[in-house]
Amino acid sequence: YRELAAILAQNLPQMDETYAIGKTIGQRPEKGAAVAAAAYLQANFPDYTGFSPRNVRRMRDFYRTCENDEPLLRLAMKIGWTLNVVIMEAELTEMSENGIWSRRYAVDGQKRSY
């Protein structure tokens, strides 16, 4: 899991880092890769937050959802991690069109101030 340390050393923007971590984990063939990655990250980066097994699995799922859908990825990268998680948890990304609509709505909503 040294690839994960290299990703964190780059000080990437949050969504780029999240996508890179998800890609690294998503490409590992062994079962339990997300749990093992979470344990590695928690042990080696104790000052960082957000690396629970559940959240690392979400990072993997985020990568898998967006890896072959460039329009969806572009929109997803414009909104924060929390909104992407809400959209994924609500299963609005099952169909790419719904995922794009949800993210476009979130991007437009962030531009308005109420």
C-alpha atoms as a PDB file:
ATOM      1  CA  TYR A   1       0.000   0.000   0.000  1.00  0.00           C
ATOM      2  CA  ARG A   2       2.961   2.300  -0.493  1.00  0.00           C
ATOM      3  CA  GLU A   3       1.082   3.815  -3.445  1.00  0.00           C
ATOM      4  CA  LEU A   4      -1.299   5.372  -0.919  1.00  0.00           C
ATOM      5  CA  ALA A   5       1.564   7.088   0.901  1.00  0.00           C
ATOM      6  CA  ALA A   6       2.778   8.479  -2.429  1.00  0.00           C
ATOM      7  CA  ILE A   7      -0.698   9.850  -3.166  1.00  0.00           C
ATOM      8  CA  LEU A   8      -0.912  11.596   0.202  1.00  0.00           C
ATOM      9  CA  ALA A   9       2.605  13.010  -0.203  1.00  0.00           C
ATOM     10  CA  GLN A  10       1.452  14.901  -3.313  1.00  0.00           C
ATOM     11  CA  ASN A  11      -0.925  17.141  -1.313  1.00  0.00           C
ATOM     12  CA  LEU A  12      -3.576  16.883  -4.007  1.00  0.00           C
ATOM     13  CA  PRO A  13      -6.929  18.670  -3.810  1.00  0.00           C
ATOM     14  CA  GLN A  14      -9.438  16.583  -1.860  1.00  0.00           C
ATOM     15  CA  MET A  15     -11.378  15.181  -4.818  1.00  0.00           C
ATOM     16  CA  ASP A  16      -8.227  14.345  -6.790  1.00  0.00           C
ATOM     17  CA  GLU A  17      -6.825  12.570  -3.733  1.00  0.00           C
ATOM     18  CA  THR A  18     -10.080  10.708  -3.169  1.00  0.00           C
ATOM     19  CA  TYR A  19     -10.212   9.561  -6.801  1.00  0.00           C
ATOM     20  CA  ALA A  20      -6.543   8.464  -6.737  1.00  0.00           C
ATOM     21  CA  ILE A  21      -7.016   6.484  -3.520  1.00  0.00           C
ATOM     22  CA  GLY A  22     -10.174   4.887  -4.925  1.00  0.00           C
ATOM     23  CA  LYS A  23      -8.353   3.980  -8.134  1.00  0.00           C
ATOM     24  CA  THR A  24      -5.452   2.406  -6.248  1.00  0.00           C
ATOM     25  CA  ILE A  25      -7.789   0.304  -4.118  1.00  0.00           C
ATOM     26  CA  GLY A  26     -10.142  -0.484  -6.992  1.00  0.00           C
ATOM     27  CA  GLN A  27      -7.309  -1.998  -8.993  1.00  0.00           C
ATOM     28  CA  ARG A  28      -6.261  -4.392  -6.229  1.00  0.00           C
ATOM     29  CA  PRO A  29      -7.674  -7.874  -6.837  1.00  0.00           C
ATOM     30  CA  GLU A  30      -7.714  -9.208  -3.283  1.00  0.00           C
ATOM     31  CA  LYS A  31     -10.848  -9.301  -1.201  1.00  0.00           C
ATOM     32  CA  GLY A  32     -10.722  -6.891   1.711  1.00  0.00           C
ATOM     33  CA  ALA A  33      -8.405  -4.423  -0.038  1.00  0.00           C
ATOM     34  CA  ALA A  34     -10.400  -1.420   1.192  1.00  0.00           C
ATOM     35  CA  VAL A  35     -10.307  -2.602   4.824  1.00  0.00           C
ATOM     36  CA  ALA A  36      -6.573  -3.319   4.598  1.00  0.00           C
ATOM     37  CA  ALA A  37      -5.975   0.079   2.979  1.00  0.00           C
ATOM     38  CA  ALA A  38      -7.954   1.799   5.729  1.00  0.00           C
ATOM     39  CA  ALA A  39      -5.877   0.044   8.382  1.00  0.00           C
ATOM     40  CA  TYR A  40      -2.667   1.048   6.585  1.00  0.00           C
ATOM     41  CA  LEU A  41      -3.759   4.685   6.256  1.00  0.00           C
ATOM     42  CA  GLN A  42      -4.908   4.938   9.870  1.00  0.00           C
ATOM     43  CA  ALA A  43      -1.673   3.388  11.153  1.00  0.00           C
ATOM     44  CA  ASN A  44       0.670   5.424   8.977  1.00  0.00           C
ATOM     45  CA  PHE A  45      -1.205   8.731   8.897  1.00  0.00           C
ATOM     46  CA  PRO A  46      -2.757   9.124  12.349  1.00  0.00           C
ATOM     47  CA  ASP A  47      -3.220  12.885  11.929  1.00  0.00           C
ATOM     48  CA  TYR A  48      -5.415  12.414   8.867  1.00  0.00           C
ATOM     49  CA  THR A  49      -9.151  11.815   9.133  1.00  0.00           C
ATOM     50  CA  GLY A  50     -11.636  10.140   6.820  1.00  0.00           C
ATOM     51  CA  PHE A  51      -9.932   6.785   6.377  1.00  0.00           C
ATOM     52  CA  SER A  52     -12.453   4.495   8.030  1.00  0.00           C
ATOM     53  CA  PRO A  53     -13.058   1.199   6.209  1.00  0.00           C
ATOM     54  CA  ARG A  54     -16.490   2.423   5.155  1.00  0.00           C
ATOM     55  CA  ASN A  55     -15.163   5.684   3.735  1.00  0.00           C
ATOM     56  CA  VAL A  56     -12.295   3.980   1.917  1.00  0.00           C
ATOM     57  CA  ARG A  57     -14.832   1.585   0.339  1.00  0.00           C
ATOM     58  CA  ARG A  58     -16.783   4.676  -0.756  1.00  0.00           C
ATOM     59  CA  MET A  59     -13.612   6.037  -2.382  1.00  0.00           C
ATOM     60  CA  ARG A  60     -13.253   2.780  -4.303  1.00  0.00           C
ATOM     61  CA  ASP A  61     -16.916   2.894  -5.313  1.00  0.00           C
ATOM     62  CA  PHE A  62     -16.550   6.534  -6.389  1.00  0.00           C
ATOM     63  CA  TYR A  63     -13.666   5.574  -8.664  1.00  0.00           C
ATOM     64  CA  ARG A  64     -15.588   2.639 -10.127  1.00  0.00           C
ATOM     65  CA  THR A  65     -18.651   4.813 -10.735  1.00  0.00           C
ATOM     66  CA  CYS A  66     -16.743   7.543 -12.557  1.00  0.00           C
ATOM     67  CA  GLU A  67     -13.807   5.747 -14.176  1.00  0.00           C
ATOM     68  CA  ASN A  68     -15.412   5.311 -17.597  1.00  0.00           C
ATOM     69  CA  ASP A  69     -17.740   8.308 -17.542  1.00  0.00           C
ATOM     70  CA  GLU A  70     -15.813  11.540 -18.183  1.00  0.00           C
ATOM     71  CA  PRO A  71     -18.834  13.912 -18.007  1.00  0.00           C
ATOM     72  CA  LEU A  72     -19.857  12.388 -14.669  1.00  0.00           C
ATOM     73  CA  LEU A  73     -16.294  12.618 -13.347  1.00  0.00           C
ATOM     74  CA  ARG A  74     -15.970  16.285 -14.350  1.00  0.00           C
ATOM     75  CA  LEU A  75     -19.135  17.173 -12.452  1.00  0.00           C
ATOM     76  CA  ALA A  76     -18.246  14.998  -9.477  1.00  0.00           C
ATOM     77  CA  MET A  77     -14.877  16.726  -9.151  1.00  0.00           C
ATOM     78  CA  LYS A  78     -16.602  20.124  -8.883  1.00  0.00           C
ATOM     79  CA  ILE A  79     -18.580  19.251  -5.771  1.00  0.00           C
ATOM     80  CA  GLY A  80     -17.189  18.167  -2.428  1.00  0.00           C
ATOM     81  CA  TRP A  81     -16.755  14.658  -1.150  1.00  0.00           C
ATOM     82  CA  THR A  82     -19.741  14.867   1.180  1.00  0.00           C
ATOM     83  CA  LEU A  83     -22.182  15.678  -1.629  1.00  0.00           C
ATOM     84  CA  ASN A  84     -20.759  12.873  -3.752  1.00  0.00           C
ATOM     85  CA  VAL A  85     -21.240  10.446  -0.866  1.00  0.00           C
ATOM     86  CA  VAL A  86     -24.845  11.585  -0.408  1.00  0.00           C
ATOM     87  CA  ILE A  87     -25.512  11.046  -4.113  1.00  0.00           C
ATOM     88  CA  MET A  88     -23.845   7.617  -4.097  1.00  0.00           C
ATOM     89  CA  GLU A  89     -25.604   6.539  -0.903  1.00  0.00           C
ATOM     90  CA  ALA A  90     -28.953   7.589  -2.364  1.00  0.00           C
ATOM     91  CA  GLU A  91     -28.149   5.314  -5.327  1.00  0.00           C
ATOM     92  CA  LEU A  92     -28.634   8.165  -7.775  1.00  0.00           C
ATOM     93  CA  THR A  93     -25.607   7.068  -9.776  1.00  0.00           C
ATOM     94  CA  GLU A  94     -27.039   3.728 -10.881  1.00  0.00           C
ATOM     95  CA  MET A  95     -27.782   5.316 -14.214  1.00  0.00           C
ATOM     96  CA  SER A  96     -25.217   7.765 -15.502  1.00  0.00           C
ATOM     97  CA  GLU A  97     -27.896  10.263 -16.529  1.00  0.00           C
ATOM     98  CA  ASN A  98     -29.252  10.435 -12.975  1.00  0.00           C
ATOM     99  CA  GLY A  99     -25.746  10.775 -11.545  1.00  0.00           C
ATOM    100  CA  ILE A 100     -24.981  13.635 -13.908  1.00  0.00           C
ATOM    101  CA  TRP A 101     -28.280  15.351 -13.103  1.00  0.00           C
ATOM    102  CA  SER A 102     -27.694  15.048  -9.349  1.00  0.00           C
ATOM    103  CA  ARG A 103     -24.162  16.432  -9.564  1.00  0.00           C
ATOM    104  CA  ARG A 104     -25.190  19.218 -11.959  1.00  0.00           C
ATOM    105  CA  TYR A 105     -27.919  20.210  -9.497  1.00  0.00           C
ATOM    106  CA  ALA A 106     -25.385  20.173  -6.653  1.00  0.00           C
ATOM    107  CA  VAL A 107     -22.922  22.324  -8.630  1.00  0.00           C
ATOM    108  CA  ASP A 108     -25.649  24.838  -9.522  1.00  0.00           C
ATOM    109  CA  GLY A 109     -26.883  24.893  -5.924  1.00  0.00           C
ATOM    110  CA  GLN A 110     -23.401  25.763  -4.662  1.00  0.00           C
ATOM    111  CA  LYS A 111     -23.268  28.812  -6.935  1.00  0.00           C
ATOM    112  CA  ARG A 112     -26.328  30.342  -5.313  1.00  0.00           C
ATOM    113  CA  SER A 113     -26.215  32.000  -1.943  1.00  0.00           C
ATOM    114  CA  TYR A 114     -29.374  31.929   0.121  1.00  0.00           C
END
